[in-house]
PDBML (XML) file of the C-alpha atoms, coordinates in Angstrom:
<?xml version="1.0" encoding="UTF-8" ?>
<PDBx:datablock datablockName="MODEL"
   xmlns:PDBx="http://pdbml.pdb.org/schema/pdbx-v50.xsd"
   xmlns:xsi="http://www.w3.org/2001/XMLSchema-instance"
   xsi:schemaLocation="http://pdbml.pdb.org/schema/pdbx-v50.xsd pdbx-v50.xsd">
   <PDBx:atom_siteCategory>
      <PDBx:atom_site id="1">
         <PDBx:B_iso_or_equiv>0.00</PDBx:B_iso_or_equiv>
         <PDBx:Cartn_x>63.583</PDBx:Cartn_x>
         <PDBx:Cartn_y>-62.085</PDBx:Cartn_y>
         <PDBx:Cartn_z>-40.073</PDBx:Cartn_z>
         <PDBx:auth_asym_id>A</PDBx:auth_asym_id>
         <PDBx:auth_atom_id>CA</PDBx:auth_atom_id>
         <PDBx:auth_comp_id>ASP</PDBx:auth_comp_id>
         <PDBx:auth_seq_id>1</PDBx:auth_seq_id>
         <PDBx:group_PDB>ATOM</PDBx:group_PDB>
         <PDBx:label_alt_id xsi:nil="true" />
         <PDBx:label_asym_id>A</PDBx:label_asym_id>
         <PDBx:label_atom_id>CA</PDBx:label_atom_id>
         <PDBx:label_comp_id>ASP</PDBx:label_comp_id>
         <PDBx:label_entity_id>1</PDBx:label_entity_id>
         <PDBx:label_seq_id>1</PDBx:label_seq_id>
         <PDBx:occupancy>1.00</PDBx:occupancy>
         <PDBx:pdbx_PDB_model_num>1</PDBx:pdbx_PDB_model_num>
         <PDBx:type_symbol>C</PDBx:type_symbol>
      </PDBx:atom_site>
      <PDBx:atom_site id="2">
         <PDBx:B_iso_or_equiv>0.00</PDBx:B_iso_or_equiv>
         <PDBx:Cartn_x>61.559</PDBx:Cartn_x>
         <PDBx:Cartn_y>-64.064</PDBx:Cartn_y>
         <PDBx:Cartn_z>-37.555</PDBx:Cartn_z>
         <PDBx:auth_asym_id>A</PDBx:auth_asym_id>
         <PDBx:auth_atom_id>CA</PDBx:auth_atom_id>
         <PDBx:auth_comp_id>SER</PDBx:auth_comp_id>
         <PDBx:auth_seq_id>2</PDBx:auth_seq_id>
         <PDBx:group_PDB>ATOM</PDBx:group_PDB>
         <PDBx:label_alt_id xsi:nil="true" />
         <PDBx:label_asym_id>A</PDBx:label_asym_id>
         <PDBx:label_atom_id>CA</PDBx:label_atom_id>
         <PDBx:label_comp_id>SER</PDBx:label_comp_id>
         <PDBx:label_entity_id>1</PDBx:label_entity_id>
         <PDBx:label_seq_id>2</PDBx:label_seq_id>
         <PDBx:occupancy>1.00</PDBx:occupancy>
         <PDBx:pdbx_PDB_model_num>1</PDBx:pdbx_PDB_model_num>
         <PDBx:type_symbol>C</PDBx:type_symbol>
      </PDBx:atom_site>
      <PDBx:atom_site id="3">
         <PDBx:B_iso_or_equiv>0.00</PDBx:B_iso_or_equiv>
         <PDBx:Cartn_x>60.848</PDBx:Cartn_x>
         <PDBx:Cartn_y>-60.824</PDBx:Cartn_y>
         <PDBx:Cartn_z>-35.973</PDBx:Cartn_z>
         <PDBx:auth_asym_id>A</PDBx:auth_asym_id>
         <PDBx:auth_atom_id>CA</PDBx:auth_atom_id>
         <PDBx:auth_comp_id>ASP</PDBx:auth_comp_id>
         <PDBx:auth_seq_id>3</PDBx:auth_seq_id>
         <PDBx:group_PDB>ATOM</PDBx:group_PDB>
         <PDBx:label_alt_id xsi:nil="true" />
         <PDBx:label_asym_id>A</PDBx:label_asym_id>
         <PDBx:label_atom_id>CA</PDBx:label_atom_id>
         <PDBx:label_comp_id>ASP</PDBx:label_comp_id>
         <PDBx:label_entity_id>1</PDBx:label_entity_id>
         <PDBx:label_seq_id>3</PDBx:label_seq_id>
         <PDBx:occupancy>1.00</PDBx:occupancy>
         <PDBx:pdbx_PDB_model_num>1</PDBx:pdbx_PDB_model_num>
         <PDBx:type_symbol>C</PDBx:type_symbol>
      </PDBx:atom_site>
      <PDBx:atom_site id="4">
         <PDBx:B_iso_or_equiv>0.00</PDBx:B_iso_or_equiv>
         <PDBx:Cartn_x>59.245</PDBx:Cartn_x>
         <PDBx:Cartn_y>-59.324</PDBx:Cartn_y>
         <PDBx:Cartn_z>-39.271</PDBx:Cartn_z>
         <PDBx:auth_asym_id>A</PDBx:auth_asym_id>
         <PDBx:auth_atom_id>CA</PDBx:auth_atom_id>
         <PDBx:auth_comp_id>LEU</PDBx:auth_comp_id>
         <PDBx:auth_seq_id>4</PDBx:auth_seq_id>
         <PDBx:group_PDB>ATOM</PDBx:group_PDB>
         <PDBx:label_alt_id xsi:nil="true" />
         <PDBx:label_asym_id>A</PDBx:label_asym_id>
         <PDBx:label_atom_id>CA</PDBx:label_atom_id>
         <PDBx:label_comp_id>LEU</PDBx:label_comp_id>
         <PDBx:label_entity_id>1</PDBx:label_entity_id>
         <PDBx:label_seq_id>4</PDBx:label_seq_id>
         <PDBx:occupancy>1.00</PDBx:occupancy>
         <PDBx:pdbx_PDB_model_num>1</PDBx:pdbx_PDB_model_num>
         <PDBx:type_symbol>C</PDBx:type_symbol>
      </PDBx:atom_site>
      <PDBx:atom_site id="5">
         <PDBx:B_iso_or_equiv>0.00</PDBx:B_iso_or_equiv>
         <PDBx:Cartn_x>55.657</PDBx:Cartn_x>
         <PDBx:Cartn_y>-60.567</PDBx:Cartn_y>
         <PDBx:Cartn_z>-38.519</PDBx:Cartn_z>
         <PDBx:auth_asym_id>A</PDBx:auth_asym_id>
         <PDBx:auth_atom_id>CA</PDBx:auth_atom_id>
         <PDBx:auth_comp_id>PRO</PDBx:auth_comp_id>
         <PDBx:auth_seq_id>5</PDBx:auth_seq_id>
         <PDBx:group_PDB>ATOM</PDBx:group_PDB>
         <PDBx:label_alt_id xsi:nil="true" />
         <PDBx:label_asym_id>A</PDBx:label_asym_id>
         <PDBx:label_atom_id>CA</PDBx:label_atom_id>
         <PDBx:label_comp_id>PRO</PDBx:label_comp_id>
         <PDBx:label_entity_id>1</PDBx:label_entity_id>
         <PDBx:label_seq_id>5</PDBx:label_seq_id>
         <PDBx:occupancy>1.00</PDBx:occupancy>
         <PDBx:pdbx_PDB_model_num>1</PDBx:pdbx_PDB_model_num>
         <PDBx:type_symbol>C</PDBx:type_symbol>
      </PDBx:atom_site>
      <PDBx:atom_site id="6">
         <PDBx:B_iso_or_equiv>0.00</PDBx:B_iso_or_equiv>
         <PDBx:Cartn_x>55.851</PDBx:Cartn_x>
         <PDBx:Cartn_y>-58.535</PDBx:Cartn_y>
         <PDBx:Cartn_z>-34.952</PDBx:Cartn_z>
         <PDBx:auth_asym_id>A</PDBx:auth_asym_id>
         <PDBx:auth_atom_id>CA</PDBx:auth_atom_id>
         <PDBx:auth_comp_id>ILE</PDBx:auth_comp_id>
         <PDBx:auth_seq_id>6</PDBx:auth_seq_id>
         <PDBx:group_PDB>ATOM</PDBx:group_PDB>
         <PDBx:label_alt_id xsi:nil="true" />
         <PDBx:label_asym_id>A</PDBx:label_asym_id>
         <PDBx:label_atom_id>CA</PDBx:label_atom_id>
         <PDBx:label_comp_id>ILE</PDBx:label_comp_id>
         <PDBx:label_entity_id>1</PDBx:label_entity_id>
         <PDBx:label_seq_id>6</PDBx:label_seq_id>
         <PDBx:occupancy>1.00</PDBx:occupancy>
         <PDBx:pdbx_PDB_model_num>1</PDBx:pdbx_PDB_model_num>
         <PDBx:type_symbol>C</PDBx:type_symbol>
      </PDBx:atom_site>
      <PDBx:atom_site id="7">
         <PDBx:B_iso_or_equiv>0.00</PDBx:B_iso_or_equiv>
         <PDBx:Cartn_x>57.606</PDBx:Cartn_x>
         <PDBx:Cartn_y>-55.421</PDBx:Cartn_y>
         <PDBx:Cartn_z>-36.429</PDBx:Cartn_z>
         <PDBx:auth_asym_id>A</PDBx:auth_asym_id>
         <PDBx:auth_atom_id>CA</PDBx:auth_atom_id>
         <PDBx:auth_comp_id>MET</PDBx:auth_comp_id>
         <PDBx:auth_seq_id>7</PDBx:auth_seq_id>
         <PDBx:group_PDB>ATOM</PDBx:group_PDB>
         <PDBx:label_alt_id xsi:nil="true" />
         <PDBx:label_asym_id>A</PDBx:label_asym_id>
         <PDBx:label_atom_id>CA</PDBx:label_atom_id>
         <PDBx:label_comp_id>MET</PDBx:label_comp_id>
         <PDBx:label_entity_id>1</PDBx:label_entity_id>
         <PDBx:label_seq_id>7</PDBx:label_seq_id>
         <PDBx:occupancy>1.00</PDBx:occupancy>
         <PDBx:pdbx_PDB_model_num>1</PDBx:pdbx_PDB_model_num>
         <PDBx:type_symbol>C</PDBx:type_symbol>
      </PDBx:atom_site>
      <PDBx:atom_site id="8">
         <PDBx:B_iso_or_equiv>0.00</PDBx:B_iso_or_equiv>
         <PDBx:Cartn_x>55.062</PDBx:Cartn_x>
         <PDBx:Cartn_y>-55.505</PDBx:Cartn_y>
         <PDBx:Cartn_z>-39.428</PDBx:Cartn_z>
         <PDBx:auth_asym_id>A</PDBx:auth_asym_id>
         <PDBx:auth_atom_id>CA</PDBx:auth_atom_id>
         <PDBx:auth_comp_id>GLN</PDBx:auth_comp_id>
         <PDBx:auth_seq_id>8</PDBx:auth_seq_id>
         <PDBx:group_PDB>ATOM</PDBx:group_PDB>
         <PDBx:label_alt_id xsi:nil="true" />
         <PDBx:label_asym_id>A</PDBx:label_asym_id>
         <PDBx:label_atom_id>CA</PDBx:label_atom_id>
         <PDBx:label_comp_id>GLN</PDBx:label_comp_id>
         <PDBx:label_entity_id>1</PDBx:label_entity_id>
         <PDBx:label_seq_id>8</PDBx:label_seq_id>
         <PDBx:occupancy>1.00</PDBx:occupancy>
         <PDBx:pdbx_PDB_model_num>1</PDBx:pdbx_PDB_model_num>
         <PDBx:type_symbol>C</PDBx:type_symbol>
      </PDBx:atom_site>
      <PDBx:atom_site id="9">
         <PDBx:B_iso_or_equiv>0.00</PDBx:B_iso_or_equiv>
         <PDBx:Cartn_x>52.818</PDBx:Cartn_x>
         <PDBx:Cartn_y>-53.574</PDBx:Cartn_y>
         <PDBx:Cartn_z>-37.210</PDBx:Cartn_z>
         <PDBx:auth_asym_id>A</PDBx:auth_asym_id>
         <PDBx:auth_atom_id>CA</PDBx:auth_atom_id>
         <PDBx:auth_comp_id>GLU</PDBx:auth_comp_id>
         <PDBx:auth_seq_id>9</PDBx:auth_seq_id>
         <PDBx:group_PDB>ATOM</PDBx:group_PDB>
         <PDBx:label_alt_id xsi:nil="true" />
         <PDBx:label_asym_id>A</PDBx:label_asym_id>
         <PDBx:label_atom_id>CA</PDBx:label_atom_id>
         <PDBx:label_comp_id>GLU</PDBx:label_comp_id>
         <PDBx:label_entity_id>1</PDBx:label_entity_id>
         <PDBx:label_seq_id>9</PDBx:label_seq_id>
         <PDBx:occupancy>1.00</PDBx:occupancy>
         <PDBx:pdbx_PDB_model_num>1</PDBx:pdbx_PDB_model_num>
         <PDBx:type_symbol>C</PDBx:type_symbol>
      </PDBx:atom_site>
      <PDBx:atom_site id="10">
         <PDBx:B_iso_or_equiv>0.00</PDBx:B_iso_or_equiv>
         <PDBx:Cartn_x>54.929</PDBx:Cartn_x>
         <PDBx:Cartn_y>-50.682</PDBx:Cartn_y>
         <PDBx:Cartn_z>-36.842</PDBx:Cartn_z>
         <PDBx:auth_asym_id>A</PDBx:auth_asym_id>
         <PDBx:auth_atom_id>CA</PDBx:auth_atom_id>
         <PDBx:auth_comp_id>ALA</PDBx:auth_comp_id>
         <PDBx:auth_seq_id>10</PDBx:auth_seq_id>
         <PDBx:group_PDB>ATOM</PDBx:group_PDB>
         <PDBx:label_alt_id xsi:nil="true" />
         <PDBx:label_asym_id>A</PDBx:label_asym_id>
         <PDBx:label_atom_id>CA</PDBx:label_atom_id>
         <PDBx:label_comp_id>ALA</PDBx:label_comp_id>
         <PDBx:label_entity_id>1</PDBx:label_entity_id>
         <PDBx:label_seq_id>10</PDBx:label_seq_id>
         <PDBx:occupancy>1.00</PDBx:occupancy>
         <PDBx:pdbx_PDB_model_num>1</PDBx:pdbx_PDB_model_num>
         <PDBx:type_symbol>C</PDBx:type_symbol>
      </PDBx:atom_site>
      <PDBx:atom_site id="11">
         <PDBx:B_iso_or_equiv>0.00</PDBx:B_iso_or_equiv>
         <PDBx:Cartn_x>55.665</PDBx:Cartn_x>
         <PDBx:Cartn_y>-50.823</PDBx:Cartn_y>
         <PDBx:Cartn_z>-40.825</PDBx:Cartn_z>
         <PDBx:auth_asym_id>A</PDBx:auth_asym_id>
         <PDBx:auth_atom_id>CA</PDBx:auth_atom_id>
         <PDBx:auth_comp_id>ILE</PDBx:auth_comp_id>
         <PDBx:auth_seq_id>11</PDBx:auth_seq_id>
         <PDBx:group_PDB>ATOM</PDBx:group_PDB>
         <PDBx:label_alt_id xsi:nil="true" />
         <PDBx:label_asym_id>A</PDBx:label_asym_id>
         <PDBx:label_atom_id>CA</PDBx:label_atom_id>
         <PDBx:label_comp_id>ILE</PDBx:label_comp_id>
         <PDBx:label_entity_id>1</PDBx:label_entity_id>
         <PDBx:label_seq_id>11</PDBx:label_seq_id>
         <PDBx:occupancy>1.00</PDBx:occupancy>
         <PDBx:pdbx_PDB_model_num>1</PDBx:pdbx_PDB_model_num>
         <PDBx:type_symbol>C</PDBx:type_symbol>
      </PDBx:atom_site>
      <PDBx:atom_site id="12">
         <PDBx:B_iso_or_equiv>0.00</PDBx:B_iso_or_equiv>
         <PDBx:Cartn_x>51.873</PDBx:Cartn_x>
         <PDBx:Cartn_y>-50.649</PDBx:Cartn_y>
         <PDBx:Cartn_z>-41.272</PDBx:Cartn_z>
         <PDBx:auth_asym_id>A</PDBx:auth_asym_id>
         <PDBx:auth_atom_id>CA</PDBx:auth_atom_id>
         <PDBx:auth_comp_id>ASP</PDBx:auth_comp_id>
         <PDBx:auth_seq_id>12</PDBx:auth_seq_id>
         <PDBx:group_PDB>ATOM</PDBx:group_PDB>
         <PDBx:label_alt_id xsi:nil="true" />
         <PDBx:label_asym_id>A</PDBx:label_asym_id>
         <PDBx:label_atom_id>CA</PDBx:label_atom_id>
         <PDBx:label_comp_id>ASP</PDBx:label_comp_id>
         <PDBx:label_entity_id>1</PDBx:label_entity_id>
         <PDBx:label_seq_id>12</PDBx:label_seq_id>
         <PDBx:occupancy>1.00</PDBx:occupancy>
         <PDBx:pdbx_PDB_model_num>1</PDBx:pdbx_PDB_model_num>
         <PDBx:type_symbol>C</PDBx:type_symbol>
      </PDBx:atom_site>
      <PDBx:atom_site id="13">
         <PDBx:B_iso_or_equiv>0.00</PDBx:B_iso_or_equiv>
         <PDBx:Cartn_x>51.251</PDBx:Cartn_x>
         <PDBx:Cartn_y>-48.065</PDBx:Cartn_y>
         <PDBx:Cartn_z>-38.730</PDBx:Cartn_z>
         <PDBx:auth_asym_id>A</PDBx:auth_asym_id>
         <PDBx:auth_atom_id>CA</PDBx:auth_atom_id>
         <PDBx:auth_comp_id>ILE</PDBx:auth_comp_id>
         <PDBx:auth_seq_id>13</PDBx:auth_seq_id>
         <PDBx:group_PDB>ATOM</PDBx:group_PDB>
         <PDBx:label_alt_id xsi:nil="true" />
         <PDBx:label_asym_id>A</PDBx:label_asym_id>
         <PDBx:label_atom_id>CA</PDBx:label_atom_id>
         <PDBx:label_comp_id>ILE</PDBx:label_comp_id>
         <PDBx:label_entity_id>1</PDBx:label_entity_id>
         <PDBx:label_seq_id>13</PDBx:label_seq_id>
         <PDBx:occupancy>1.00</PDBx:occupancy>
         <PDBx:pdbx_PDB_model_num>1</PDBx:pdbx_PDB_model_num>
         <PDBx:type_symbol>C</PDBx:type_symbol>
      </PDBx:atom_site>
      <PDBx:atom_site id="14">
         <PDBx:B_iso_or_equiv>0.00</PDBx:B_iso_or_equiv>
         <PDBx:Cartn_x>54.022</PDBx:Cartn_x>
         <PDBx:Cartn_y>-45.644</PDBx:Cartn_y>
         <PDBx:Cartn_z>-40.283</PDBx:Cartn_z>
         <PDBx:auth_asym_id>A</PDBx:auth_asym_id>
         <PDBx:auth_atom_id>CA</PDBx:auth_atom_id>
         <PDBx:auth_comp_id>LEU</PDBx:auth_comp_id>
         <PDBx:auth_seq_id>14</PDBx:auth_seq_id>
         <PDBx:group_PDB>ATOM</PDBx:group_PDB>
         <PDBx:label_alt_id xsi:nil="true" />
         <PDBx:label_asym_id>A</PDBx:label_asym_id>
         <PDBx:label_atom_id>CA</PDBx:label_atom_id>
         <PDBx:label_comp_id>LEU</PDBx:label_comp_id>
         <PDBx:label_entity_id>1</PDBx:label_entity_id>
         <PDBx:label_seq_id>14</PDBx:label_seq_id>
         <PDBx:occupancy>1.00</PDBx:occupancy>
         <PDBx:pdbx_PDB_model_num>1</PDBx:pdbx_PDB_model_num>
         <PDBx:type_symbol>C</PDBx:type_symbol>
      </PDBx:atom_site>
      <PDBx:atom_site id="15">
         <PDBx:B_iso_or_equiv>0.00</PDBx:B_iso_or_equiv>
         <PDBx:Cartn_x>53.204</PDBx:Cartn_x>
         <PDBx:Cartn_y>-46.471</PDBx:Cartn_y>
         <PDBx:Cartn_z>-43.901</PDBx:Cartn_z>
         <PDBx:auth_asym_id>A</PDBx:auth_asym_id>
         <PDBx:auth_atom_id>CA</PDBx:auth_atom_id>
         <PDBx:auth_comp_id>GLU</PDBx:auth_comp_id>
         <PDBx:auth_seq_id>15</PDBx:auth_seq_id>
         <PDBx:group_PDB>ATOM</PDBx:group_PDB>
         <PDBx:label_alt_id xsi:nil="true" />
         <PDBx:label_asym_id>A</PDBx:label_asym_id>
         <PDBx:label_atom_id>CA</PDBx:label_atom_id>
         <PDBx:label_comp_id>GLU</PDBx:label_comp_id>
         <PDBx:label_entity_id>1</PDBx:label_entity_id>
         <PDBx:label_seq_id>15</PDBx:label_seq_id>
         <PDBx:occupancy>1.00</PDBx:occupancy>
         <PDBx:pdbx_PDB_model_num>1</PDBx:pdbx_PDB_model_num>
         <PDBx:type_symbol>C</PDBx:type_symbol>
      </PDBx:atom_site>
      <PDBx:atom_site id="16">
         <PDBx:B_iso_or_equiv>0.00</PDBx:B_iso_or_equiv>
         <PDBx:Cartn_x>49.349</PDBx:Cartn_x>
         <PDBx:Cartn_y>-45.503</PDBx:Cartn_y>
         <PDBx:Cartn_z>-43.090</PDBx:Cartn_z>
         <PDBx:auth_asym_id>A</PDBx:auth_asym_id>
         <PDBx:auth_atom_id>CA</PDBx:auth_atom_id>
         <PDBx:auth_comp_id>GLY</PDBx:auth_comp_id>
         <PDBx:auth_seq_id>16</PDBx:auth_seq_id>
         <PDBx:group_PDB>ATOM</PDBx:group_PDB>
         <PDBx:label_alt_id xsi:nil="true" />
         <PDBx:label_asym_id>A</PDBx:label_asym_id>
         <PDBx:label_atom_id>CA</PDBx:label_atom_id>
         <PDBx:label_comp_id>GLY</PDBx:label_comp_id>
         <PDBx:label_entity_id>1</PDBx:label_entity_id>
         <PDBx:label_seq_id>16</PDBx:label_seq_id>
         <PDBx:occupancy>1.00</PDBx:occupancy>
         <PDBx:pdbx_PDB_model_num>1</PDBx:pdbx_PDB_model_num>
         <PDBx:type_symbol>C</PDBx:type_symbol>
      </PDBx:atom_site>
      <PDBx:atom_site id="17">
         <PDBx:B_iso_or_equiv>0.00</PDBx:B_iso_or_equiv>
         <PDBx:Cartn_x>50.727</PDBx:Cartn_x>
         <PDBx:Cartn_y>-42.056</PDBx:Cartn_y>
         <PDBx:Cartn_z>-42.016</PDBx:Cartn_z>
         <PDBx:auth_asym_id>A</PDBx:auth_asym_id>
         <PDBx:auth_atom_id>CA</PDBx:auth_atom_id>
         <PDBx:auth_comp_id>MET</PDBx:auth_comp_id>
         <PDBx:auth_seq_id>17</PDBx:auth_seq_id>
         <PDBx:group_PDB>ATOM</PDBx:group_PDB>
         <PDBx:label_alt_id xsi:nil="true" />
         <PDBx:label_asym_id>A</PDBx:label_asym_id>
         <PDBx:label_atom_id>CA</PDBx:label_atom_id>
         <PDBx:label_comp_id>MET</PDBx:label_comp_id>
         <PDBx:label_entity_id>1</PDBx:label_entity_id>
         <PDBx:label_seq_id>17</PDBx:label_seq_id>
         <PDBx:occupancy>1.00</PDBx:occupancy>
         <PDBx:pdbx_PDB_model_num>1</PDBx:pdbx_PDB_model_num>
         <PDBx:type_symbol>C</PDBx:type_symbol>
      </PDBx:atom_site>
      <PDBx:atom_site id="18">
         <PDBx:B_iso_or_equiv>0.00</PDBx:B_iso_or_equiv>
         <PDBx:Cartn_x>52.927</PDBx:Cartn_x>
         <PDBx:Cartn_y>-41.803</PDBx:Cartn_y>
         <PDBx:Cartn_z>-45.076</PDBx:Cartn_z>
         <PDBx:auth_asym_id>A</PDBx:auth_asym_id>
         <PDBx:auth_atom_id>CA</PDBx:auth_atom_id>
         <PDBx:auth_comp_id>ASP</PDBx:auth_comp_id>
         <PDBx:auth_seq_id>18</PDBx:auth_seq_id>
         <PDBx:group_PDB>ATOM</PDBx:group_PDB>
         <PDBx:label_alt_id xsi:nil="true" />
         <PDBx:label_asym_id>A</PDBx:label_asym_id>
         <PDBx:label_atom_id>CA</PDBx:label_atom_id>
         <PDBx:label_comp_id>ASP</PDBx:label_comp_id>
         <PDBx:label_entity_id>1</PDBx:label_entity_id>
         <PDBx:label_seq_id>18</PDBx:label_seq_id>
         <PDBx:occupancy>1.00</PDBx:occupancy>
         <PDBx:pdbx_PDB_model_num>1</PDBx:pdbx_PDB_model_num>
         <PDBx:type_symbol>C</PDBx:type_symbol>
      </PDBx:atom_site>
      <PDBx:atom_site id="19">
         <PDBx:B_iso_or_equiv>0.00</PDBx:B_iso_or_equiv>
         <PDBx:Cartn_x>56.063</PDBx:Cartn_x>
         <PDBx:Cartn_y>-41.800</PDBx:Cartn_y>
         <PDBx:Cartn_z>-43.200</PDBx:Cartn_z>
         <PDBx:auth_asym_id>A</PDBx:auth_asym_id>
         <PDBx:auth_atom_id>CA</PDBx:auth_atom_id>
         <PDBx:auth_comp_id>ILE</PDBx:auth_comp_id>
         <PDBx:auth_seq_id>19</PDBx:auth_seq_id>
         <PDBx:group_PDB>ATOM</PDBx:group_PDB>
         <PDBx:label_alt_id xsi:nil="true" />
         <PDBx:label_asym_id>A</PDBx:label_asym_id>
         <PDBx:label_atom_id>CA</PDBx:label_atom_id>
         <PDBx:label_comp_id>ILE</PDBx:label_comp_id>
         <PDBx:label_entity_id>1</PDBx:label_entity_id>
         <PDBx:label_seq_id>19</PDBx:label_seq_id>
         <PDBx:occupancy>1.00</PDBx:occupancy>
         <PDBx:pdbx_PDB_model_num>1</PDBx:pdbx_PDB_model_num>
         <PDBx:type_symbol>C</PDBx:type_symbol>
      </PDBx:atom_site>
      <PDBx:atom_site id="20">
         <PDBx:B_iso_or_equiv>0.00</PDBx:B_iso_or_equiv>
         <PDBx:Cartn_x>59.020</PDBx:Cartn_x>
         <PDBx:Cartn_y>-43.025</PDBx:Cartn_y>
         <PDBx:Cartn_z>-45.006</PDBx:Cartn_z>
         <PDBx:auth_asym_id>A</PDBx:auth_asym_id>
         <PDBx:auth_atom_id>CA</PDBx:auth_atom_id>
         <PDBx:auth_comp_id>GLN</PDBx:auth_comp_id>
         <PDBx:auth_seq_id>20</PDBx:auth_seq_id>
         <PDBx:group_PDB>ATOM</PDBx:group_PDB>
         <PDBx:label_alt_id xsi:nil="true" />
         <PDBx:label_asym_id>A</PDBx:label_asym_id>
         <PDBx:label_atom_id>CA</PDBx:label_atom_id>
         <PDBx:label_comp_id>GLN</PDBx:label_comp_id>
         <PDBx:label_entity_id>1</PDBx:label_entity_id>
         <PDBx:label_seq_id>20</PDBx:label_seq_id>
         <PDBx:occupancy>1.00</PDBx:occupancy>
         <PDBx:pdbx_PDB_model_num>1</PDBx:pdbx_PDB_model_num>
         <PDBx:type_symbol>C</PDBx:type_symbol>
      </PDBx:atom_site>
      <PDBx:atom_site id="21">
         <PDBx:B_iso_or_equiv>0.00</PDBx:B_iso_or_equiv>
         <PDBx:Cartn_x>60.898</PDBx:Cartn_x>
         <PDBx:Cartn_y>-45.976</PDBx:Cartn_y>
         <PDBx:Cartn_z>-43.143</PDBx:Cartn_z>
         <PDBx:auth_asym_id>A</PDBx:auth_asym_id>
         <PDBx:auth_atom_id>CA</PDBx:auth_atom_id>
         <PDBx:auth_comp_id>ILE</PDBx:auth_comp_id>
         <PDBx:auth_seq_id>21</PDBx:auth_seq_id>
         <PDBx:group_PDB>ATOM</PDBx:group_PDB>
         <PDBx:label_alt_id xsi:nil="true" />
         <PDBx:label_asym_id>A</PDBx:label_asym_id>
         <PDBx:label_atom_id>CA</PDBx:label_atom_id>
         <PDBx:label_comp_id>ILE</PDBx:label_comp_id>
         <PDBx:label_entity_id>1</PDBx:label_entity_id>
         <PDBx:label_seq_id>21</PDBx:label_seq_id>
         <PDBx:occupancy>1.00</PDBx:occupancy>
         <PDBx:pdbx_PDB_model_num>1</PDBx:pdbx_PDB_model_num>
         <PDBx:type_symbol>C</PDBx:type_symbol>
      </PDBx:atom_site>
      <PDBx:atom_site id="22">
         <PDBx:B_iso_or_equiv>0.00</PDBx:B_iso_or_equiv>
         <PDBx:Cartn_x>63.945</PDBx:Cartn_x>
         <PDBx:Cartn_y>-47.981</PDBx:Cartn_y>
         <PDBx:Cartn_z>-43.856</PDBx:Cartn_z>
         <PDBx:auth_asym_id>A</PDBx:auth_asym_id>
         <PDBx:auth_atom_id>CA</PDBx:auth_atom_id>
         <PDBx:auth_comp_id>GLU</PDBx:auth_comp_id>
         <PDBx:auth_seq_id>22</PDBx:auth_seq_id>
         <PDBx:group_PDB>ATOM</PDBx:group_PDB>
         <PDBx:label_alt_id xsi:nil="true" />
         <PDBx:label_asym_id>A</PDBx:label_asym_id>
         <PDBx:label_atom_id>CA</PDBx:label_atom_id>
         <PDBx:label_comp_id>GLU</PDBx:label_comp_id>
         <PDBx:label_entity_id>1</PDBx:label_entity_id>
         <PDBx:label_seq_id>22</PDBx:label_seq_id>
         <PDBx:occupancy>1.00</PDBx:occupancy>
         <PDBx:pdbx_PDB_model_num>1</PDBx:pdbx_PDB_model_num>
         <PDBx:type_symbol>C</PDBx:type_symbol>
      </PDBx:atom_site>
      <PDBx:atom_site id="23">
         <PDBx:B_iso_or_equiv>0.00</PDBx:B_iso_or_equiv>
         <PDBx:Cartn_x>63.596</PDBx:Cartn_x>
         <PDBx:Cartn_y>-51.832</PDBx:Cartn_y>
         <PDBx:Cartn_z>-42.815</PDBx:Cartn_z>
         <PDBx:auth_asym_id>A</PDBx:auth_asym_id>
         <PDBx:auth_atom_id>CA</PDBx:auth_atom_id>
         <PDBx:auth_comp_id>VAL</PDBx:auth_comp_id>
         <PDBx:auth_seq_id>23</PDBx:auth_seq_id>
         <PDBx:group_PDB>ATOM</PDBx:group_PDB>
         <PDBx:label_alt_id xsi:nil="true" />
         <PDBx:label_asym_id>A</PDBx:label_asym_id>
         <PDBx:label_atom_id>CA</PDBx:label_atom_id>
         <PDBx:label_comp_id>VAL</PDBx:label_comp_id>
         <PDBx:label_entity_id>1</PDBx:label_entity_id>
         <PDBx:label_seq_id>23</PDBx:label_seq_id>
         <PDBx:occupancy>1.00</PDBx:occupancy>
         <PDBx:pdbx_PDB_model_num>1</PDBx:pdbx_PDB_model_num>
         <PDBx:type_symbol>C</PDBx:type_symbol>
      </PDBx:atom_site>
      <PDBx:atom_site id="24">
         <PDBx:B_iso_or_equiv>0.00</PDBx:B_iso_or_equiv>
         <PDBx:Cartn_x>66.687</PDBx:Cartn_x>
         <PDBx:Cartn_y>-54.118</PDBx:Cartn_y>
         <PDBx:Cartn_z>-42.206</PDBx:Cartn_z>
         <PDBx:auth_asym_id>A</PDBx:auth_asym_id>
         <PDBx:auth_atom_id>CA</PDBx:auth_atom_id>
         <PDBx:auth_comp_id>ASP</PDBx:auth_comp_id>
         <PDBx:auth_seq_id>24</PDBx:auth_seq_id>
         <PDBx:group_PDB>ATOM</PDBx:group_PDB>
         <PDBx:label_alt_id xsi:nil="true" />
         <PDBx:label_asym_id>A</PDBx:label_asym_id>
         <PDBx:label_atom_id>CA</PDBx:label_atom_id>
         <PDBx:label_comp_id>ASP</PDBx:label_comp_id>
         <PDBx:label_entity_id>1</PDBx:label_entity_id>
         <PDBx:label_seq_id>24</PDBx:label_seq_id>
         <PDBx:occupancy>1.00</PDBx:occupancy>
         <PDBx:pdbx_PDB_model_num>1</PDBx:pdbx_PDB_model_num>
         <PDBx:type_symbol>C</PDBx:type_symbol>
      </PDBx:atom_site>
   </PDBx:atom_siteCategory>
</PDBx:datablock>
């Protein structure tokens, strides 16, 4: 979970393009 602040950038890009994601 310490990687989440970095990985959040991928989450934000994909959510901004309305692409469904699964995060774990």
